[in-house]
Amino acid sequence: MTFVECEGTGRYSDHEKEYLNSKYPFAGAYRVIKLEILIADEHVQKIIDIIRENGRTGYQGDGMIIVSPVDNVYKVRTDEEGILVI
């Protein structure tokens, strides 16, 4: 699981009205967190359900869940490869 702090623009608002300083140079940009999870196919729906139940604030910008396949995994340090190397 990886959390990444990002800058985002889109059709949502920052309900806390955070001050945008020089760290966020794009007008209208908001701080957002991107969560990346790599899991086996059989756990996908369970994780989606958990995020939907616990990640909803009721404000615009609660996010999206995007599911995409992973064809392979390569470890740079050890040259191992395969989905189960993680």
PDB file of N, CA and C in Angstrom:
ATOM      1  N   MET A   1       0.849  -1.153   0.000  1.00  0.00           N
ATOM      2  CA  MET A   1       0.000   0.000   0.000  1.00  0.00           C
ATOM      3  C   MET A   1       0.904   1.228   0.000  1.00  0.00           C
ATOM      4  N   THR A   2       0.556   2.200  -0.845  1.00  0.00           N
ATOM      5  CA  THR A   2       1.339   3.418  -0.960  1.00  0.00           C
ATOM      6  C   THR A   2       0.407   4.622  -0.892  1.00  0.00           C
ATOM      7  N   PHE A   3       0.762   5.612  -0.109  1.00  0.00           N
ATOM      8  CA  PHE A   3       0.047   6.877  -0.047  1.00  0.00           C
ATOM      9  C   PHE A   3       0.920   7.937  -0.700  1.00  0.00           C
ATOM     10  N   VAL A   4       0.356   8.712  -1.613  1.00  0.00           N
ATOM     11  CA  VAL A   4       1.102   9.747  -2.305  1.00  0.00           C
ATOM     12  C   VAL A   4       0.345  11.066  -2.172  1.00  0.00           C
ATOM     13  N   GLU A   5       1.010  12.109  -1.673  1.00  0.00           N
ATOM     14  CA  GLU A   5       0.382  13.428  -1.623  1.00  0.00           C
ATOM     15  C   GLU A   5       0.515  14.059  -2.999  1.00  0.00           C
ATOM     16  N   CYS A   6      -0.593  14.509  -3.539  1.00  0.00           N
ATOM     17  CA  CYS A   6      -0.631  15.045  -4.893  1.00  0.00           C
ATOM     18  C   CYS A   6      -1.329  16.400  -4.915  1.00  0.00           C
ATOM     19  N   GLU A   7      -1.252  17.046  -6.053  1.00  0.00           N
ATOM     20  CA  GLU A   7      -2.045  18.234  -6.321  1.00  0.00           C
ATOM     21  C   GLU A   7      -3.108  17.830  -7.317  1.00  0.00           C
ATOM     22  N   GLY A   8      -4.330  18.239  -7.070  1.00  0.00           N
ATOM     23  CA  GLY A   8      -5.393  17.831  -7.976  1.00  0.00           C
ATOM     24  C   GLY A   8      -6.303  18.983  -8.349  1.00  0.00           C
ATOM     25  N   THR A   9      -6.801  18.908  -9.533  1.00  0.00           N
ATOM     26  CA  THR A   9      -7.840  19.835  -9.963  1.00  0.00           C
ATOM     27  C   THR A   9      -8.967  18.993 -10.533  1.00  0.00           C
ATOM     28  N   GLY A  10     -10.147  19.500 -10.463  1.00  0.00           N
ATOM     29  CA  GLY A  10     -11.278  18.740 -10.968  1.00  0.00           C
ATOM     30  C   GLY A  10     -12.567  19.345 -10.470  1.00  0.00           C
ATOM     31  N   ARG A  11     -13.612  18.578 -10.580  1.00  0.00           N
ATOM     32  CA  ARG A  11     -14.928  19.065 -10.186  1.00  0.00           C
ATOM     33  C   ARG A  11     -15.206  18.711  -8.738  1.00  0.00           C
ATOM     34  N   TYR A  12     -14.409  19.237  -7.846  1.00  0.00           N
ATOM     35  CA  TYR A  12     -14.656  19.063  -6.431  1.00  0.00           C
ATOM     36  C   TYR A  12     -14.136  20.274  -5.701  1.00  0.00           C
ATOM     37  N   SER A  13     -14.515  20.413  -4.457  1.00  0.00           N
ATOM     38  CA  SER A  13     -14.088  21.581  -3.692  1.00  0.00           C
ATOM     39  C   SER A  13     -13.401  21.129  -2.416  1.00  0.00           C
ATOM     40  N   ASP A  14     -12.593  22.005  -1.887  1.00  0.00           N
ATOM     41  CA  ASP A  14     -11.894  21.737  -0.645  1.00  0.00           C
ATOM     42  C   ASP A  14     -12.768  22.259   0.489  1.00  0.00           C
ATOM     43  N   HIS A  15     -13.452  21.378   1.188  1.00  0.00           N
ATOM     44  CA  HIS A  15     -14.407  21.811   2.204  1.00  0.00           C
ATOM     45  C   HIS A  15     -13.759  22.473   3.399  1.00  0.00           C
ATOM     46  N   GLU A  16     -12.456  22.308   3.569  1.00  0.00           N
ATOM     47  CA  GLU A  16     -11.768  22.965   4.677  1.00  0.00           C
ATOM     48  C   GLU A  16     -11.139  24.283   4.257  1.00  0.00           C
ATOM     49  N   LYS A  17     -11.236  24.647   2.988  1.00  0.00           N
ATOM     50  CA  LYS A  17     -10.712  25.918   2.466  1.00  0.00           C
ATOM     51  C   LYS A  17      -9.242  26.106   2.810  1.00  0.00           C
ATOM     52  N   GLU A  18      -8.433  25.087   2.517  1.00  0.00           N
ATOM     53  CA  GLU A  18      -7.005  25.184   2.806  1.00  0.00           C
ATOM     54  C   GLU A  18      -6.367  26.291   1.980  1.00  0.00           C
ATOM     55  N   TYR A  19      -5.433  26.984   2.593  1.00  0.00           N
ATOM     56  CA  TYR A  19      -4.728  28.065   1.912  1.00  0.00           C
ATOM     57  C   TYR A  19      -3.743  27.481   0.909  1.00  0.00           C
ATOM     58  N   LEU A  20      -3.809  27.944  -0.314  1.00  0.00           N
ATOM     59  CA  LEU A  20      -2.887  27.469  -1.353  1.00  0.00           C
ATOM     60  C   LEU A  20      -1.670  28.387  -1.377  1.00  0.00           C
ATOM     61  N   ASN A  21      -0.524  27.844  -1.053  1.00  0.00           N
ATOM     62  CA  ASN A  21       0.684  28.668  -1.026  1.00  0.00           C
ATOM     63  C   ASN A  21       1.584  28.321  -2.205  1.00  0.00           C
ATOM     64  N   SER A  22       2.811  28.752  -2.149  1.00  0.00           N
ATOM     65  CA  SER A  22       3.724  28.544  -3.275  1.00  0.00           C
ATOM     66  C   SER A  22       4.030  27.071  -3.521  1.00  0.00           C
ATOM     67  N   LYS A  23       3.767  26.220  -2.542  1.00  0.00           N
ATOM     68  CA  LYS A  23       3.971  24.784  -2.744  1.00  0.00           C
ATOM     69  C   LYS A  23       2.981  24.234  -3.767  1.00  0.00           C
ATOM     70  N   TYR A  24       1.839  24.877  -3.918  1.00  0.00           N
ATOM     71  CA  TYR A  24       0.788  24.447  -4.839  1.00  0.00           C
ATOM     72  C   TYR A  24       0.560  25.558  -5.853  1.00  0.00           C
ATOM     73  N   PRO A  25       1.396  25.624  -6.888  1.00  0.00           N
ATOM     74  CA  PRO A  25       1.402  26.771  -7.798  1.00  0.00           C
ATOM     75  C   PRO A  25       0.217  26.859  -8.751  1.00  0.00           C
ATOM     76  N   PHE A  26      -0.537  25.801  -8.932  1.00  0.00           N
ATOM     77  CA  PHE A  26      -1.635  25.839  -9.894  1.00  0.00           C
ATOM     78  C   PHE A  26      -2.884  26.414  -9.242  1.00  0.00           C
ATOM     79  N   ALA A  27      -3.418  27.456  -9.853  1.00  0.00           N
ATOM     80  CA  ALA A  27      -4.635  28.069  -9.316  1.00  0.00           C
ATOM     81  C   ALA A  27      -5.740  27.035  -9.298  1.00  0.00           C
ATOM     82  N   GLY A  28      -6.423  26.944  -8.201  1.00  0.00           N
ATOM     83  CA  GLY A  28      -7.515  26.002  -8.091  1.00  0.00           C
ATOM     84  C   GLY A  28      -7.089  24.587  -7.748  1.00  0.00           C
ATOM     85  N   ALA A  29      -5.794  24.367  -7.485  1.00  0.00           N
ATOM     86  CA  ALA A  29      -5.321  23.024  -7.140  1.00  0.00           C
ATOM     87  C   ALA A  29      -5.635  22.735  -5.677  1.00  0.00           C
ATOM     88  N   TYR A  30      -5.897  21.489  -5.389  1.00  0.00           N
ATOM     89  CA  TYR A  30      -6.193  21.051  -4.032  1.00  0.00           C
ATOM     90  C   TYR A  30      -5.260  19.923  -3.648  1.00  0.00           C
ATOM     91  N   ARG A  31      -5.009  19.811  -2.358  1.00  0.00           N
ATOM     92  CA  ARG A  31      -4.224  18.682  -1.877  1.00  0.00           C
ATOM     93  C   ARG A  31      -5.108  17.445  -1.909  1.00  0.00           C
ATOM     94  N   VAL A  32      -4.580  16.396  -2.477  1.00  0.00           N
ATOM     95  CA  VAL A  32      -5.284  15.124  -2.508  1.00  0.00           C
ATOM     96  C   VAL A  32      -4.301  14.011  -2.161  1.00  0.00           C
ATOM     97  N   ILE A  33      -4.813  12.924  -1.696  1.00  0.00           N
ATOM     98  CA  ILE A  33      -4.004  11.754  -1.394  1.00  0.00           C
ATOM     99  C   ILE A  33      -4.376  10.655  -2.371  1.00  0.00           C
ATOM    100  N   LYS A  34      -3.370  10.089  -3.006  1.00  0.00           N
ATOM    101  CA  LYS A  34      -3.579   8.957  -3.896  1.00  0.00           C
ATOM    102  C   LYS A  34      -3.150   7.705  -3.138  1.00  0.00           C
ATOM    103  N   LEU A  35      -4.035   6.742  -3.079  1.00  0.00           N
ATOM    104  CA  LEU A  35      -3.772   5.489  -2.394  1.00  0.00           C
ATOM    105  C   LEU A  35      -3.636   4.402  -3.449  1.00  0.00           C
ATOM    106  N   GLU A  36      -2.519   3.699  -3.444  1.00  0.00           N
ATOM    107  CA  GLU A  36      -2.296   2.607  -4.393  1.00  0.00           C
ATOM    108  C   GLU A  36      -2.188   1.309  -3.617  1.00  0.00           C
ATOM    109  N   ILE A  37      -2.978   0.320  -4.020  1.00  0.00           N
ATOM    110  CA  ILE A  37      -2.966  -0.978  -3.352  1.00  0.00           C
ATOM    111  C   ILE A  37      -2.829  -2.053  -4.419  1.00  0.00           C
ATOM    112  N   LEU A  38      -1.874  -2.942  -4.236  1.00  0.00           N
ATOM    113  CA  LEU A  38      -1.690  -4.069  -5.146  1.00  0.00           C
ATOM    114  C   LEU A  38      -2.147  -5.319  -4.410  1.00  0.00           C
ATOM    115  N   ILE A  39      -3.237  -5.926  -4.890  1.00  0.00           N
ATOM    116  CA  ILE A  39      -3.810  -7.091  -4.216  1.00  0.00           C
ATOM    117  C   ILE A  39      -4.206  -8.149  -5.239  1.00  0.00           C
ATOM    118  N   ALA A  40      -4.397  -9.357  -4.756  1.00  0.00           N
ATOM    119  CA  ALA A  40      -4.838 -10.464  -5.603  1.00  0.00           C
ATOM    120  C   ALA A  40      -6.287 -10.234  -6.025  1.00  0.00           C
ATOM    121  N   ASP A  41      -6.624 -10.768  -7.193  1.00  0.00           N
ATOM    122  CA  ASP A  41      -7.971 -10.594  -7.752  1.00  0.00           C
ATOM    123  C   ASP A  41      -9.080 -10.956  -6.776  1.00  0.00           C
ATOM    124  N   GLU A  42      -8.886 -12.007  -6.012  1.00  0.00           N
ATOM    125  CA  GLU A  42      -9.965 -12.464  -5.128  1.00  0.00           C
ATOM    126  C   GLU A  42     -10.263 -11.503  -3.977  1.00  0.00           C
ATOM    127  N   HIS A  43      -9.392 -10.525  -3.733  1.00  0.00           N
ATOM    128  CA  HIS A  43      -9.609  -9.562  -2.652  1.00  0.00           C
ATOM    129  C   HIS A  43     -10.111  -8.207  -3.142  1.00  0.00           C
ATOM    130  N   VAL A  44     -10.203  -8.012  -4.440  1.00  0.00           N
ATOM    131  CA  VAL A  44     -10.535  -6.697  -4.998  1.00  0.00           C
ATOM    132  C   VAL A  44     -11.880  -6.182  -4.493  1.00  0.00           C
ATOM    133  N   GLN A  45     -12.927  -6.975  -4.599  1.00  0.00           N
ATOM    134  CA  GLN A  45     -14.248  -6.492  -4.202  1.00  0.00           C
ATOM    135  C   GLN A  45     -14.321  -6.171  -2.711  1.00  0.00           C
ATOM    136  N   LYS A  46     -13.654  -6.980  -1.883  1.00  0.00           N
ATOM    137  CA  LYS A  46     -13.650  -6.726  -0.435  1.00  0.00           C
ATOM    138  C   LYS A  46     -12.991  -5.381  -0.124  1.00  0.00           C
ATOM    139  N   ILE A  47     -11.864  -5.095  -0.781  1.00  0.00           N
ATOM    140  CA  ILE A  47     -11.169  -3.827  -0.559  1.00  0.00           C
ATOM    141  C   ILE A  47     -12.009  -2.654  -1.064  1.00  0.00           C
ATOM    142  N   ILE A  48     -12.654  -2.815  -2.212  1.00  0.00           N
ATOM    143  CA  ILE A  48     -13.540  -1.765  -2.730  1.00  0.00           C
ATOM    144  C   ILE A  48     -14.640  -1.474  -1.721  1.00  0.00           C
ATOM    145  N   ASP A  49     -15.245  -2.507  -1.178  1.00  0.00           N
ATOM    146  CA  ASP A  49     -16.315  -2.324  -0.192  1.00  0.00           C
ATOM    147  C   ASP A  49     -15.818  -1.602   1.055  1.00  0.00           C
ATOM    148  N   ILE A  50     -14.624  -1.955   1.533  1.00  0.00           N
ATOM    149  CA  ILE A  50     -14.057  -1.308   2.726  1.00  0.00           C
ATOM    150  C   ILE A  50     -13.807   0.170   2.461  1.00  0.00           C
ATOM    151  N   ILE A  51     -13.248   0.494   1.304  1.00  0.00           N
ATOM    152  CA  ILE A  51     -12.980   1.901   0.978  1.00  0.00           C
ATOM    153  C   ILE A  51     -14.278   2.677   0.852  1.00  0.00           C
ATOM    154  N   ARG A  52     -15.269   2.101   0.197  1.00  0.00           N
ATOM    155  CA  ARG A  52     -16.561   2.783   0.055  1.00  0.00           C
ATOM    156  C   ARG A  52     -17.225   3.036   1.402  1.00  0.00           C
ATOM    157  N   GLU A  53     -17.168   2.070   2.292  1.00  0.00           N
ATOM    158  CA  GLU A  53     -17.819   2.203   3.599  1.00  0.00           C
ATOM    159  C   GLU A  53     -17.092   3.192   4.514  1.00  0.00           C
ATOM    160  N   ASN A  54     -15.762   3.251   4.425  1.00  0.00           N
ATOM    161  CA  ASN A  54     -14.986   4.043   5.383  1.00  0.00           C
ATOM    162  C   ASN A  54     -14.354   5.300   4.811  1.00  0.00           C
ATOM    163  N   GLY A  55     -14.356   5.459   3.494  1.00  0.00           N
ATOM    164  CA  GLY A  55     -13.688   6.597   2.885  1.00  0.00           C
ATOM    165  C   GLY A  55     -14.606   7.725   2.471  1.00  0.00           C
ATOM    166  N   ARG A  56     -15.879   7.583   2.712  1.00  0.00           N
ATOM    167  CA  ARG A  56     -16.853   8.572   2.267  1.00  0.00           C
ATOM    168  C   ARG A  56     -17.024   9.672   3.314  1.00  0.00           C
ATOM    169  N   THR A  57     -16.818  10.928   2.884  1.00  0.00           N
ATOM    170  CA  THR A  57     -17.045  12.072   3.782  1.00  0.00           C
ATOM    171  C   THR A  57     -18.368  12.763   3.481  1.00  0.00           C
ATOM    172  N   GLY A  58     -18.885  12.544   2.276  1.00  0.00           N
ATOM    173  CA  GLY A  58     -20.107  13.227   1.871  1.00  0.00           C
ATOM    174  C   GLY A  58     -19.834  14.493   1.090  1.00  0.00           C
ATOM    175  N   TYR A  59     -18.577  14.888   0.982  1.00  0.00           N
ATOM    176  CA  TYR A  59     -18.199  16.072   0.229  1.00  0.00           C
ATOM    177  C   TYR A  59     -17.757  15.682  -1.173  1.00  0.00           C
ATOM    178  N   GLN A  60     -17.890  16.619  -2.107  1.00  0.00           N
ATOM    179  CA  GLN A  60     -17.339  16.381  -3.437  1.00  0.00           C
ATOM    180  C   GLN A  60     -15.844  16.149  -3.287  1.00  0.00           C
ATOM    181  N   GLY A  61     -15.319  15.265  -4.119  1.00  0.00           N
ATOM    182  CA  GLY A  61     -13.886  14.999  -4.052  1.00  0.00           C
ATOM    183  C   GLY A  61     -13.521  13.828  -3.178  1.00  0.00           C
ATOM    184  N   ASP A  62     -14.503  13.031  -2.760  1.00  0.00           N
ATOM    185  CA  ASP A  62     -14.193  11.834  -1.977  1.00  0.00           C
ATOM    186  C   ASP A  62     -13.320  10.863  -2.745  1.00  0.00           C
ATOM    187  N   GLY A  63     -13.265  11.020  -4.053  1.00  0.00           N
ATOM    188  CA  GLY A  63     -12.335  10.218  -4.837  1.00  0.00           C
ATOM    189  C   GLY A  63     -12.998   9.220  -5.746  1.00  0.00           C
ATOM    190  N   MET A  64     -12.152   8.450  -6.382  1.00  0.00           N
ATOM    191  CA  MET A  64     -12.585   7.397  -7.291  1.00  0.00           C
ATOM    192  C   MET A  64     -11.778   6.146  -6.978  1.00  0.00           C
ATOM    193  N   ILE A  65     -12.347   5.017  -7.276  1.00  0.00           N
ATOM    194  CA  ILE A  65     -11.632   3.753  -7.174  1.00  0.00           C
ATOM    195  C   ILE A  65     -11.436   3.268  -8.603  1.00  0.00           C
ATOM    196  N   ILE A  66     -10.195   3.068  -8.975  1.00  0.00           N
ATOM    197  CA  ILE A  66      -9.865   2.608 -10.320  1.00  0.00           C
ATOM    198  C   ILE A  66      -9.172   1.260 -10.181  1.00  0.00           C
ATOM    199  N   VAL A  67      -9.705   0.254 -10.835  1.00  0.00           N
ATOM    200  CA  VAL A  67      -9.139  -1.089 -10.782  1.00  0.00           C
ATOM    201  C   VAL A  67      -8.498  -1.379 -12.134  1.00  0.00           C
ATOM    202  N   SER A  68      -7.242  -1.765 -12.102  1.00  0.00           N
ATOM    203  CA  SER A  68      -6.559  -2.101 -13.355  1.00  0.00           C
ATOM    204  C   SER A  68      -5.706  -3.350 -13.139  1.00  0.00           C
ATOM    205  N   PRO A  69      -5.510  -4.127 -14.179  1.00  0.00           N
ATOM    206  CA  PRO A  69      -4.738  -5.367 -14.035  1.00  0.00           C
ATOM    207  C   PRO A  69      -3.231  -5.094 -13.925  1.00  0.00           C
ATOM    208  N   VAL A  70      -2.545  -6.010 -13.289  1.00  0.00           N
ATOM    209  CA  VAL A  70      -1.083  -5.986 -13.222  1.00  0.00           C
ATOM    210  C   VAL A  70      -0.599  -7.242 -13.928  1.00  0.00           C
ATOM    211  N   ASP A  71       0.175  -7.066 -14.979  1.00  0.00           N
ATOM    212  CA  ASP A  71       0.634  -8.209 -15.763  1.00  0.00           C
ATOM    213  C   ASP A  71       1.822  -8.916 -15.142  1.00  0.00           C
ATOM    214  N   ASN A  72       2.705  -8.143 -14.516  1.00  0.00           N
ATOM    215  CA  ASN A  72       3.885  -8.746 -13.916  1.00  0.00           C
ATOM    216  C   ASN A  72       4.495  -7.766 -12.929  1.00  0.00           C
ATOM    217  N   VAL A  73       5.356  -8.280 -12.059  1.00  0.00           N
ATOM    218  CA  VAL A  73       6.079  -7.470 -11.081  1.00  0.00           C
ATOM    219  C   VAL A  73       7.556  -7.821 -11.209  1.00  0.00           C
ATOM    220  N   TYR A  74       8.406  -6.808 -11.230  1.00  0.00           N
ATOM    221  CA  TYR A  74       9.859  -7.010 -11.344  1.00  0.00           C
ATOM    222  C   TYR A  74      10.546  -6.317 -10.180  1.00  0.00           C
ATOM    223  N   LYS A  75      11.365  -7.045  -9.435  1.00  0.00           N
ATOM    224  CA  LYS A  75      12.154  -6.437  -8.370  1.00  0.00           C
ATOM    225  C   LYS A  75      13.483  -6.013  -8.954  1.00  0.00           C
ATOM    226  N   VAL A  76      13.807  -4.754  -8.820  1.00  0.00           N
ATOM    227  CA  VAL A  76      15.020  -4.202  -9.410  1.00  0.00           C
ATOM    228  C   VAL A  76      16.268  -4.754  -8.733  1.00  0.00           C
ATOM    229  N   ARG A  77      16.272  -4.799  -7.421  1.00  0.00           N
ATOM    230  CA  ARG A  77      17.472  -5.208  -6.683  1.00  0.00           C
ATOM    231  C   ARG A  77      17.836  -6.662  -6.914  1.00  0.00           C
ATOM    232  N   THR A  78      16.831  -7.563  -6.947  1.00  0.00           N
ATOM    233  CA  THR A  78      17.121  -9.001  -6.987  1.00  0.00           C
ATOM    234  C   THR A  78      16.864  -9.658  -8.343  1.00  0.00           C
ATOM    235  N   ASP A  79      16.316  -8.914  -9.280  1.00  0.00           N
ATOM    236  CA  ASP A  79      15.954  -9.444 -10.594  1.00  0.00           C
ATOM    237  C   ASP A  79      14.862 -10.510 -10.542  1.00  0.00           C
ATOM    238  N   GLU A  80      14.181 -10.646  -9.399  1.00  0.00           N
ATOM    239  CA  GLU A  80      13.053 -11.569  -9.330  1.00  0.00           C
ATOM    240  C   GLU A  80      11.897 -10.995 -10.137  1.00  0.00           C
ATOM    241  N   GLU A  81      11.052 -11.879 -10.628  1.00  0.00           N
ATOM    242  CA  GLU A  81       9.858 -11.415 -11.306  1.00  0.00           C
ATOM    243  C   GLU A  81       8.720 -12.379 -11.072  1.00  0.00           C
ATOM    244  N   GLY A  82       7.530 -11.858 -11.229  1.00  0.00           N
ATOM    245  CA  GLY A  82       6.320 -12.641 -11.029  1.00  0.00           C
ATOM    246  C   GLY A  82       5.412 -11.971 -10.043  1.00  0.00           C
ATOM    247  N   ILE A  83       4.144 -12.210 -10.175  1.00  0.00           N
ATOM    248  CA  ILE A  83       3.156 -11.555  -9.322  1.00  0.00           C
ATOM    249  C   ILE A  83       3.365 -11.908  -7.852  1.00  0.00           C
ATOM    250  N   LEU A  84       3.856 -13.073  -7.534  1.00  0.00           N
ATOM    251  CA  LEU A  84       3.986 -13.498  -6.150  1.00  0.00           C
ATOM    252  C   LEU A  84       5.288 -13.086  -5.483  1.00  0.00           C
ATOM    253  N   VAL A  85       6.112 -12.289  -6.143  1.00  0.00           N
ATOM    254  CA  VAL A  85       7.397 -11.884  -5.550  1.00  0.00           C
ATOM    255  C   VAL A  85       7.246 -10.828  -4.478  1.00  0.00           C
ATOM    256  N   ILE A  86       6.139 -10.176  -4.435  1.00  0.00           N
ATOM    257  CA  ILE A  86       5.978  -9.029  -3.535  1.00  0.00           C
ATOM    258  C   ILE A  86       6.135  -9.433  -2.134  1.00  0.00           C
TER     259      ILE A  86
END
